[in-house]
Amino acid sequence: MKTISVSVSIGDYDAFKRAAKRKGRPVAQLIRDAMAFYREEKLEDREELTDLPTFPGHQNTGPLPARWETWGEILEKPTLPADDPGRP
């Protein structure tokens, strides 16, 4: 292992101290875990998932929507018909 020195905010360090106490682990171990997680998620190159996996013998029923179409549906605010009793 490589020993390093890092300056952190008081708030961040206090949060790690509380978490370390709750988990019964040293602060240094939590920081090492956080660094490893960040490396895996943000720093290492990964191949993009372009096709959804399917079970053997099954096929997609049609073309997959584009990412912007999916997010458009997720972020779109639902609208109720004018005669809907739940409409404010």
PDB file of N, CA and C in Angstrom:
ATOM      1  N   MET A   1       0.828  -1.183   0.000  1.00  0.00           N
ATOM      2  CA  MET A   1       0.000   0.000   0.000  1.00  0.00           C
ATOM      3  C   MET A   1       0.871   1.244   0.000  1.00  0.00           C
ATOM      4  N   LYS A   2       0.343   2.303  -0.567  1.00  0.00           N
ATOM      5  CA  LYS A   2       1.024   3.584  -0.633  1.00  0.00           C
ATOM      6  C   LYS A   2       0.416   4.510   0.410  1.00  0.00           C
ATOM      7  N   THR A   3       1.249   5.124   1.241  1.00  0.00           N
ATOM      8  CA  THR A   3       0.777   6.086   2.227  1.00  0.00           C
ATOM      9  C   THR A   3       0.688   7.455   1.573  1.00  0.00           C
ATOM     10  N   ILE A   4      -0.465   8.138   1.758  1.00  0.00           N
ATOM     11  CA  ILE A   4      -0.652   9.470   1.202  1.00  0.00           C
ATOM     12  C   ILE A   4      -1.169  10.404   2.284  1.00  0.00           C
ATOM     13  N   SER A   5      -1.089  11.682   2.016  1.00  0.00           N
ATOM     14  CA  SER A   5      -1.618  12.697   2.926  1.00  0.00           C
ATOM     15  C   SER A   5      -2.629  13.519   2.132  1.00  0.00           C
ATOM     16  N   VAL A   6      -3.833  13.653   2.677  1.00  0.00           N
ATOM     17  CA  VAL A   6      -4.905  14.350   1.977  1.00  0.00           C
ATOM     18  C   VAL A   6      -5.561  15.334   2.929  1.00  0.00           C
ATOM     19  N   SER A   7      -5.810  16.541   2.452  1.00  0.00           N
ATOM     20  CA  SER A   7      -6.563  17.529   3.237  1.00  0.00           C
ATOM     21  C   SER A   7      -8.029  17.426   2.848  1.00  0.00           C
ATOM     22  N   VAL A   8      -8.906  17.304   3.837  1.00  0.00           N
ATOM     23  CA  VAL A   8     -10.343  17.198   3.586  1.00  0.00           C
ATOM     24  C   VAL A   8     -11.074  18.213   4.444  1.00  0.00           C
ATOM     25  N   SER A   9     -12.309  18.506   4.072  1.00  0.00           N
ATOM     26  CA  SER A   9     -13.102  19.448   4.865  1.00  0.00           C
ATOM     27  C   SER A   9     -13.459  18.818   6.205  1.00  0.00           C
ATOM     28  N   ILE A  10     -13.701  19.649   7.174  1.00  0.00           N
ATOM     29  CA  ILE A  10     -14.071  19.165   8.509  1.00  0.00           C
ATOM     30  C   ILE A  10     -15.371  18.370   8.431  1.00  0.00           C
ATOM     31  N   GLY A  11     -16.315  18.864   7.628  1.00  0.00           N
ATOM     32  CA  GLY A  11     -17.599  18.168   7.487  1.00  0.00           C
ATOM     33  C   GLY A  11     -17.448  16.768   6.919  1.00  0.00           C
ATOM     34  N   ASP A  12     -16.609  16.638   5.879  1.00  0.00           N
ATOM     35  CA  ASP A  12     -16.382  15.319   5.288  1.00  0.00           C
ATOM     36  C   ASP A  12     -15.711  14.383   6.285  1.00  0.00           C
ATOM     37  N   TYR A  13     -14.707  14.892   6.988  1.00  0.00           N
ATOM     38  CA  TYR A  13     -13.993  14.037   7.940  1.00  0.00           C
ATOM     39  C   TYR A  13     -14.916  13.608   9.082  1.00  0.00           C
ATOM     40  N   ASP A  14     -15.732  14.547   9.577  1.00  0.00           N
ATOM     41  CA  ASP A  14     -16.674  14.194  10.648  1.00  0.00           C
ATOM     42  C   ASP A  14     -17.665  13.131  10.188  1.00  0.00           C
ATOM     43  N   ALA A  15     -18.126  13.248   8.941  1.00  0.00           N
ATOM     44  CA  ALA A  15     -19.062  12.244   8.408  1.00  0.00           C
ATOM     45  C   ALA A  15     -18.401  10.872   8.341  1.00  0.00           C
ATOM     46  N   PHE A  16     -17.135  10.826   7.922  1.00  0.00           N
ATOM     47  CA  PHE A  16     -16.419   9.547   7.862  1.00  0.00           C
ATOM     48  C   PHE A  16     -16.159   8.998   9.264  1.00  0.00           C
ATOM     49  N   LYS A  17     -15.874   9.886  10.222  1.00  0.00           N
ATOM     50  CA  LYS A  17     -15.665   9.417  11.606  1.00  0.00           C
ATOM     51  C   LYS A  17     -16.933   8.788  12.160  1.00  0.00           C
ATOM     52  N   ARG A  18     -18.083   9.433  11.918  1.00  0.00           N
ATOM     53  CA  ARG A  18     -19.354   8.877  12.412  1.00  0.00           C
ATOM     54  C   ARG A  18     -19.647   7.533  11.748  1.00  0.00           C
ATOM     55  N   ALA A  19     -19.433   7.467  10.436  1.00  0.00           N
ATOM     56  CA  ALA A  19     -19.686   6.212   9.718  1.00  0.00           C
ATOM     57  C   ALA A  19     -18.747   5.117  10.204  1.00  0.00           C
ATOM     58  N   ALA A  20     -17.495   5.463  10.445  1.00  0.00           N
ATOM     59  CA  ALA A  20     -16.524   4.476  10.926  1.00  0.00           C
ATOM     60  C   ALA A  20     -16.931   3.933  12.286  1.00  0.00           C
ATOM     61  N   LYS A  21     -17.415   4.819  13.139  1.00  0.00           N
ATOM     62  CA  LYS A  21     -17.845   4.385  14.482  1.00  0.00           C
ATOM     63  C   LYS A  21     -19.047   3.444  14.369  1.00  0.00           C
ATOM     64  N   ARG A  22     -20.020   3.808  13.504  1.00  0.00           N
ATOM     65  CA  ARG A  22     -21.212   2.961  13.324  1.00  0.00           C
ATOM     66  C   ARG A  22     -20.840   1.588  12.786  1.00  0.00           C
ATOM     67  N   LYS A  23     -19.894   1.555  11.859  1.00  0.00           N
ATOM     68  CA  LYS A  23     -19.531   0.295  11.208  1.00  0.00           C
ATOM     69  C   LYS A  23     -18.439  -0.463  11.946  1.00  0.00           C
ATOM     70  N   GLY A  24     -17.822   0.175  12.960  1.00  0.00           N
ATOM     71  CA  GLY A  24     -16.763  -0.490  13.701  1.00  0.00           C
ATOM     72  C   GLY A  24     -15.516  -0.707  12.862  1.00  0.00           C
ATOM     73  N   ARG A  25     -15.214   0.243  11.986  1.00  0.00           N
ATOM     74  CA  ARG A  25     -14.053   0.144  11.100  1.00  0.00           C
ATOM     75  C   ARG A  25     -13.250   1.431  11.188  1.00  0.00           C
ATOM     76  N   PRO A  26     -11.983   1.395  10.840  1.00  0.00           N
ATOM     77  CA  PRO A  26     -11.177   2.614  10.856  1.00  0.00           C
ATOM     78  C   PRO A  26     -11.580   3.575   9.734  1.00  0.00           C
ATOM     79  N   VAL A  27     -11.431   4.870   9.985  1.00  0.00           N
ATOM     80  CA  VAL A  27     -11.722   5.880   8.976  1.00  0.00           C
ATOM     81  C   VAL A  27     -10.905   5.616   7.714  1.00  0.00           C
ATOM     82  N   ALA A  28      -9.643   5.262   7.896  1.00  0.00           N
ATOM     83  CA  ALA A  28      -8.767   5.021   6.748  1.00  0.00           C
ATOM     84  C   ALA A  28      -9.327   3.937   5.833  1.00  0.00           C
ATOM     85  N   GLN A  29      -9.929   2.894   6.411  1.00  0.00           N
ATOM     86  CA  GLN A  29     -10.486   1.820   5.593  1.00  0.00           C
ATOM     87  C   GLN A  29     -11.688   2.319   4.792  1.00  0.00           C
ATOM     88  N   LEU A  30     -12.524   3.162   5.407  1.00  0.00           N
ATOM     89  CA  LEU A  30     -13.666   3.709   4.674  1.00  0.00           C
ATOM     90  C   LEU A  30     -13.196   4.588   3.519  1.00  0.00           C
ATOM     91  N   ILE A  31     -12.139   5.361   3.743  1.00  0.00           N
ATOM     92  CA  ILE A  31     -11.613   6.211   2.678  1.00  0.00           C
ATOM     93  C   ILE A  31     -11.014   5.360   1.562  1.00  0.00           C
ATOM     94  N   ARG A  32     -10.309   4.292   1.925  1.00  0.00           N
ATOM     95  CA  ARG A  32      -9.776   3.386   0.891  1.00  0.00           C
ATOM     96  C   ARG A  32     -10.916   2.771   0.083  1.00  0.00           C
ATOM     97  N   ASP A  33     -11.976   2.354   0.764  1.00  0.00           N
ATOM     98  CA  ASP A  33     -13.131   1.781   0.068  1.00  0.00           C
ATOM     99  C   ASP A  33     -13.767   2.807  -0.868  1.00  0.00           C
ATOM    100  N   ALA A  34     -13.893   4.053  -0.388  1.00  0.00           N
ATOM    101  CA  ALA A  34     -14.487   5.111  -1.209  1.00  0.00           C
ATOM    102  C   ALA A  34     -13.630   5.385  -2.440  1.00  0.00           C
ATOM    103  N   MET A  35     -12.313   5.389  -2.265  1.00  0.00           N
ATOM    104  CA  MET A  35     -11.425   5.615  -3.401  1.00  0.00           C
ATOM    105  C   MET A  35     -11.519   4.474  -4.408  1.00  0.00           C
ATOM    106  N   ALA A  36     -11.588   3.248  -3.929  1.00  0.00           N
ATOM    107  CA  ALA A  36     -11.698   2.095  -4.827  1.00  0.00           C
ATOM    108  C   ALA A  36     -13.016   2.142  -5.596  1.00  0.00           C
ATOM    109  N   PHE A  37     -14.105   2.497  -4.910  1.00  0.00           N
ATOM    110  CA  PHE A  37     -15.411   2.602  -5.552  1.00  0.00           C
ATOM    111  C   PHE A  37     -15.385   3.688  -6.638  1.00  0.00           C
ATOM    112  N   TYR A  38     -14.814   4.841  -6.314  1.00  0.00           N
ATOM    113  CA  TYR A  38     -14.733   5.935  -7.273  1.00  0.00           C
ATOM    114  C   TYR A  38     -13.900   5.519  -8.496  1.00  0.00           C
ATOM    115  N   ARG A  39     -12.793   4.846  -8.250  1.00  0.00           N
ATOM    116  CA  ARG A  39     -11.948   4.385  -9.358  1.00  0.00           C
ATOM    117  C   ARG A  39     -12.732   3.469 -10.283  1.00  0.00           C
ATOM    118  N   GLU A  40     -13.441   2.503  -9.708  1.00  0.00           N
ATOM    119  CA  GLU A  40     -14.195   1.546 -10.518  1.00  0.00           C
ATOM    120  C   GLU A  40     -15.326   2.214 -11.297  1.00  0.00           C
ATOM    121  N   GLU A  41     -16.009   3.165 -10.657  1.00  0.00           N
ATOM    122  CA  GLU A  41     -17.176   3.781 -11.279  1.00  0.00           C
ATOM    123  C   GLU A  41     -16.840   4.928 -12.228  1.00  0.00           C
ATOM    124  N   LYS A  42     -15.812   5.691 -11.928  1.00  0.00           N
ATOM    125  CA  LYS A  42     -15.555   6.920 -12.681  1.00  0.00           C
ATOM    126  C   LYS A  42     -14.276   6.932 -13.496  1.00  0.00           C
ATOM    127  N   LEU A  43     -13.267   6.207 -13.077  1.00  0.00           N
ATOM    128  CA  LEU A  43     -11.966   6.336 -13.719  1.00  0.00           C
ATOM    129  C   LEU A  43     -11.667   5.236 -14.725  1.00  0.00           C
ATOM    130  N   GLU A  44     -12.186   4.051 -14.509  1.00  0.00           N
ATOM    131  CA  GLU A  44     -11.873   2.945 -15.403  1.00  0.00           C
ATOM    132  C   GLU A  44     -12.785   2.965 -16.623  1.00  0.00           C
ATOM    133  N   ASP A  45     -12.196   2.697 -17.783  1.00  0.00           N
ATOM    134  CA  ASP A  45     -12.966   2.649 -19.022  1.00  0.00           C
ATOM    135  C   ASP A  45     -13.841   1.402 -19.023  1.00  0.00           C
ATOM    136  N   ARG A  46     -15.077   1.606 -19.452  1.00  0.00           N
ATOM    137  CA  ARG A  46     -15.997   0.478 -19.581  1.00  0.00           C
ATOM    138  C   ARG A  46     -16.652   0.529 -20.945  1.00  0.00           C
ATOM    139  N   GLU A  47     -16.999  -0.621 -21.433  1.00  0.00           N
ATOM    140  CA  GLU A  47     -17.727  -0.669 -22.691  1.00  0.00           C
ATOM    141  C   GLU A  47     -19.172  -0.273 -22.422  1.00  0.00           C
ATOM    142  N   GLU A  48     -19.735   0.476 -23.375  1.00  0.00           N
ATOM    143  CA  GLU A  48     -21.132   0.871 -23.230  1.00  0.00           C
ATOM    144  C   GLU A  48     -22.034  -0.330 -23.476  1.00  0.00           C
ATOM    145  N   LEU A  49     -23.117  -0.396 -22.735  1.00  0.00           N
ATOM    146  CA  LEU A  49     -24.104  -1.447 -22.938  1.00  0.00           C
ATOM    147  C   LEU A  49     -25.031  -0.988 -24.064  1.00  0.00           C
ATOM    148  N   THR A  50     -24.830  -1.522 -25.241  1.00  0.00           N
ATOM    149  CA  THR A  50     -25.624  -1.092 -26.393  1.00  0.00           C
ATOM    150  C   THR A  50     -26.798  -2.023 -26.661  1.00  0.00           C
ATOM    151  N   ASP A  51     -26.696  -3.254 -26.242  1.00  0.00           N
ATOM    152  CA  ASP A  51     -27.784  -4.211 -26.428  1.00  0.00           C
ATOM    153  C   ASP A  51     -28.190  -4.754 -25.070  1.00  0.00           C
ATOM    154  N   LEU A  52     -29.480  -4.847 -24.858  1.00  0.00           N
ATOM    155  CA  LEU A  52     -29.954  -5.441 -23.624  1.00  0.00           C
ATOM    156  C   LEU A  52     -29.814  -6.954 -23.723  1.00  0.00           C
ATOM    157  N   PRO A  53     -29.314  -7.579 -22.666  1.00  0.00           N
ATOM    158  CA  PRO A  53     -29.195  -9.037 -22.721  1.00  0.00           C
ATOM    159  C   PRO A  53     -30.584  -9.678 -22.733  1.00  0.00           C
ATOM    160  N   THR A  54     -30.695 -10.787 -23.414  1.00  0.00           N
ATOM    161  CA  THR A  54     -31.965 -11.528 -23.436  1.00  0.00           C
ATOM    162  C   THR A  54     -31.695 -12.961 -22.994  1.00  0.00           C
ATOM    163  N   PHE A  55     -32.736 -13.621 -22.578  1.00  0.00           N
ATOM    164  CA  PHE A  55     -32.615 -15.014 -22.168  1.00  0.00           C
ATOM    165  C   PHE A  55     -32.502 -15.889 -23.409  1.00  0.00           C
ATOM    166  N   PRO A  56     -31.816 -17.019 -23.313  1.00  0.00           N
ATOM    167  CA  PRO A  56     -31.715 -17.912 -24.472  1.00  0.00           C
ATOM    168  C   PRO A  56     -33.106 -18.286 -24.968  1.00  0.00           C
ATOM    169  N   GLY A  57     -33.296 -18.200 -26.263  1.00  0.00           N
ATOM    170  CA  GLY A  57     -34.582 -18.554 -26.849  1.00  0.00           C
ATOM    171  C   GLY A  57     -35.553 -17.394 -26.920  1.00  0.00           C
ATOM    172  N   HIS A  58     -35.221 -16.265 -26.321  1.00  0.00           N
ATOM    173  CA  HIS A  58     -36.099 -15.098 -26.359  1.00  0.00           C
ATOM    174  C   HIS A  58     -35.467 -14.032 -27.239  1.00  0.00           C
ATOM    175  N   GLN A  59     -36.310 -13.234 -27.853  1.00  0.00           N
ATOM    176  CA  GLN A  59     -35.832 -12.141 -28.681  1.00  0.00           C
ATOM    177  C   GLN A  59     -36.601 -10.885 -28.333  1.00  0.00           C
ATOM    178  N   ASN A  60     -35.999  -9.742 -28.616  1.00  0.00           N
ATOM    179  CA  ASN A  60     -36.716  -8.486 -28.409  1.00  0.00           C
ATOM    180  C   ASN A  60     -37.942  -8.467 -29.303  1.00  0.00           C
ATOM    181  N   THR A  61     -39.023  -7.880 -28.824  1.00  0.00           N
ATOM    182  CA  THR A  61     -40.248  -7.828 -29.618  1.00  0.00           C
ATOM    183  C   THR A  61     -40.211  -6.706 -30.641  1.00  0.00           C
ATOM    184  N   GLY A  62     -39.265  -5.822 -30.519  1.00  0.00           N
ATOM    185  CA  GLY A  62     -39.148  -4.717 -31.464  1.00  0.00           C
ATOM    186  C   GLY A  62     -37.872  -3.956 -31.189  1.00  0.00           C
ATOM    187  N   PRO A  63     -37.664  -2.884 -31.920  1.00  0.00           N
ATOM    188  CA  PRO A  63     -36.448  -2.104 -31.697  1.00  0.00           C
ATOM    189  C   PRO A  63     -36.490  -1.418 -30.325  1.00  0.00           C
ATOM    190  N   LEU A  64     -35.320  -1.291 -29.725  1.00  0.00           N
ATOM    191  CA  LEU A  64     -35.236  -0.627 -28.425  1.00  0.00           C
ATOM    192  C   LEU A  64     -35.309   0.877 -28.616  1.00  0.00           C
ATOM    193  N   PRO A  65     -35.944   1.597 -27.674  1.00  0.00           N
ATOM    194  CA  PRO A  65     -36.013   3.053 -27.808  1.00  0.00           C
ATOM    195  C   PRO A  65     -34.640   3.680 -27.589  1.00  0.00           C
ATOM    196  N   ALA A  66     -34.455   4.848 -28.163  1.00  0.00           N
ATOM    197  CA  ALA A  66     -33.215   5.590 -27.954  1.00  0.00           C
ATOM    198  C   ALA A  66     -33.195   6.099 -26.514  1.00  0.00           C
ATOM    199  N   ARG A  67     -32.010   6.385 -26.018  1.00  0.00           N
ATOM    200  CA  ARG A  67     -31.870   6.872 -24.637  1.00  0.00           C
ATOM    201  C   ARG A  67     -32.699   8.131 -24.411  1.00  0.00           C
ATOM    202  N   TRP A  68     -32.693   9.056 -25.375  1.00  0.00           N
ATOM    203  CA  TRP A  68     -33.436  10.301 -25.192  1.00  0.00           C
ATOM    204  C   TRP A  68     -34.933  10.043 -25.117  1.00  0.00           C
ATOM    205  N   GLU A  69     -35.408   9.010 -25.808  1.00  0.00           N
ATOM    206  CA  GLU A  69     -36.836   8.682 -25.751  1.00  0.00           C
ATOM    207  C   GLU A  69     -37.206   8.151 -24.365  1.00  0.00           C
ATOM    208  N   THR A  70     -36.355   7.302 -23.818  1.00  0.00           N
ATOM    209  CA  THR A  70     -36.617   6.738 -22.488  1.00  0.00           C
ATOM    210  C   THR A  70     -36.619   7.836 -21.440  1.00  0.00           C
ATOM    211  N   TRP A  71     -35.578   8.696 -21.463  1.00  0.00           N
ATOM    212  CA  TRP A  71     -35.522   9.778 -20.474  1.00  0.00           C
ATOM    213  C   TRP A  71     -36.660  10.774 -20.682  1.00  0.00           C
ATOM    214  N   GLY A  72     -37.072  10.958 -21.924  1.00  0.00           N
ATOM    215  CA  GLY A  72     -38.207  11.839 -22.187  1.00  0.00           C
ATOM    216  C   GLY A  72     -39.464  11.348 -21.484  1.00  0.00           C
ATOM    217  N   GLU A  73     -39.694  10.040 -21.523  1.00  0.00           N
ATOM    218  CA  GLU A  73     -40.854   9.467 -20.833  1.00  0.00           C
ATOM    219  C   GLU A  73     -40.718   9.566 -19.326  1.00  0.00           C
ATOM    220  N   ILE A  74     -39.508   9.335 -18.827  1.00  0.00           N
ATOM    221  CA  ILE A  74     -39.300   9.372 -17.382  1.00  0.00           C
ATOM    222  C   ILE A  74     -39.512  10.782 -16.844  1.00  0.00           C
ATOM    223  N   LEU A  75     -38.985  11.766 -17.550  1.00  0.00           N
ATOM    224  CA  LEU A  75     -39.025  13.134 -17.046  1.00  0.00           C
ATOM    225  C   LEU A  75     -40.288  13.893 -17.407  1.00  0.00           C
ATOM    226  N   GLU A  76     -41.078  13.332 -18.318  1.00  0.00           N
ATOM    227  CA  GLU A  76     -42.303  13.999 -18.731  1.00  0.00           C
ATOM    228  C   GLU A  76     -43.304  14.016 -17.583  1.00  0.00           C
ATOM    229  N   LYS A  77     -43.919  15.167 -17.367  1.00  0.00           N
ATOM    230  CA  LYS A  77     -44.928  15.262 -16.307  1.00  0.00           C
ATOM    231  C   LYS A  77     -46.236  14.678 -16.829  1.00  0.00           C
ATOM    232  N   PRO A  78     -46.847  13.796 -16.046  1.00  0.00           N
ATOM    233  CA  PRO A  78     -48.111  13.217 -16.508  1.00  0.00           C
ATOM    234  C   PRO A  78     -49.208  14.283 -16.547  1.00  0.00           C
ATOM    235  N   THR A  79     -50.051  14.194 -17.539  1.00  0.00           N
ATOM    236  CA  THR A  79     -51.170  15.134 -17.639  1.00  0.00           C
ATOM    237  C   THR A  79     -52.458  14.350 -17.514  1.00  0.00           C
ATOM    238  N   LEU A  80     -53.395  14.896 -16.794  1.00  0.00           N
ATOM    239  CA  LEU A  80     -54.698  14.248 -16.616  1.00  0.00           C
ATOM    240  C   LEU A  80     -55.693  14.868 -17.570  1.00  0.00           C
ATOM    241  N   PRO A  81     -56.638  14.091 -18.094  1.00  0.00           N
ATOM    242  CA  PRO A  81     -57.675  14.654 -18.951  1.00  0.00           C
ATOM    243  C   PRO A  81     -58.492  15.690 -18.157  1.00  0.00           C
ATOM    244  N   ALA A  82     -59.078  16.625 -18.884  1.00  0.00           N
ATOM    245  CA  ALA A  82     -59.834  17.720 -18.242  1.00  0.00           C
ATOM    246  C   ALA A  82     -60.973  17.201 -17.391  1.00  0.00           C
ATOM    247  N   ASP A  83     -61.597  16.075 -17.772  1.00  0.00           N
ATOM    248  CA  ASP A  83     -62.740  15.557 -17.022  1.00  0.00           C
ATOM    249  C   ASP A  83     -62.354  14.549 -15.945  1.00  0.00           C
ATOM    250  N   ASP A  84     -61.062  14.369 -15.683  1.00  0.00           N
ATOM    251  CA  ASP A  84     -60.593  13.404 -14.669  1.00  0.00           C
ATOM    252  C   ASP A  84     -60.921  13.929 -13.279  1.00  0.00           C
ATOM    253  N   PRO A  85     -61.599  13.114 -12.431  1.00  0.00           N
ATOM    254  CA  PRO A  85     -61.969  13.584 -11.084  1.00  0.00           C
ATOM    255  C   PRO A  85     -60.747  13.849 -10.194  1.00  0.00           C
ATOM    256  N   GLY A  86     -59.593  13.289 -10.524  1.00  0.00           N
ATOM    257  CA  GLY A  86     -58.398  13.511  -9.715  1.00  0.00           C
ATOM    258  C   GLY A  86     -57.661  14.786 -10.094  1.00  0.00           C
ATOM    259  N   ARG A  87     -58.146  15.462 -11.149  1.00  0.00           N
ATOM    260  CA  ARG A  87     -57.467  16.674 -11.607  1.00  0.00           C
ATOM    261  C   ARG A  87     -57.761  17.817 -10.639  1.00  0.00           C
ATOM    262  N   PRO A  88     -56.733  18.571 -10.238  1.00  0.00           N
ATOM    263  CA  PRO A  88     -56.965  19.701  -9.307  1.00  0.00           C
ATOM    264  C   PRO A  88     -57.691  20.837  -9.959  1.00  0.00           C
TER     265      PRO A  88
END
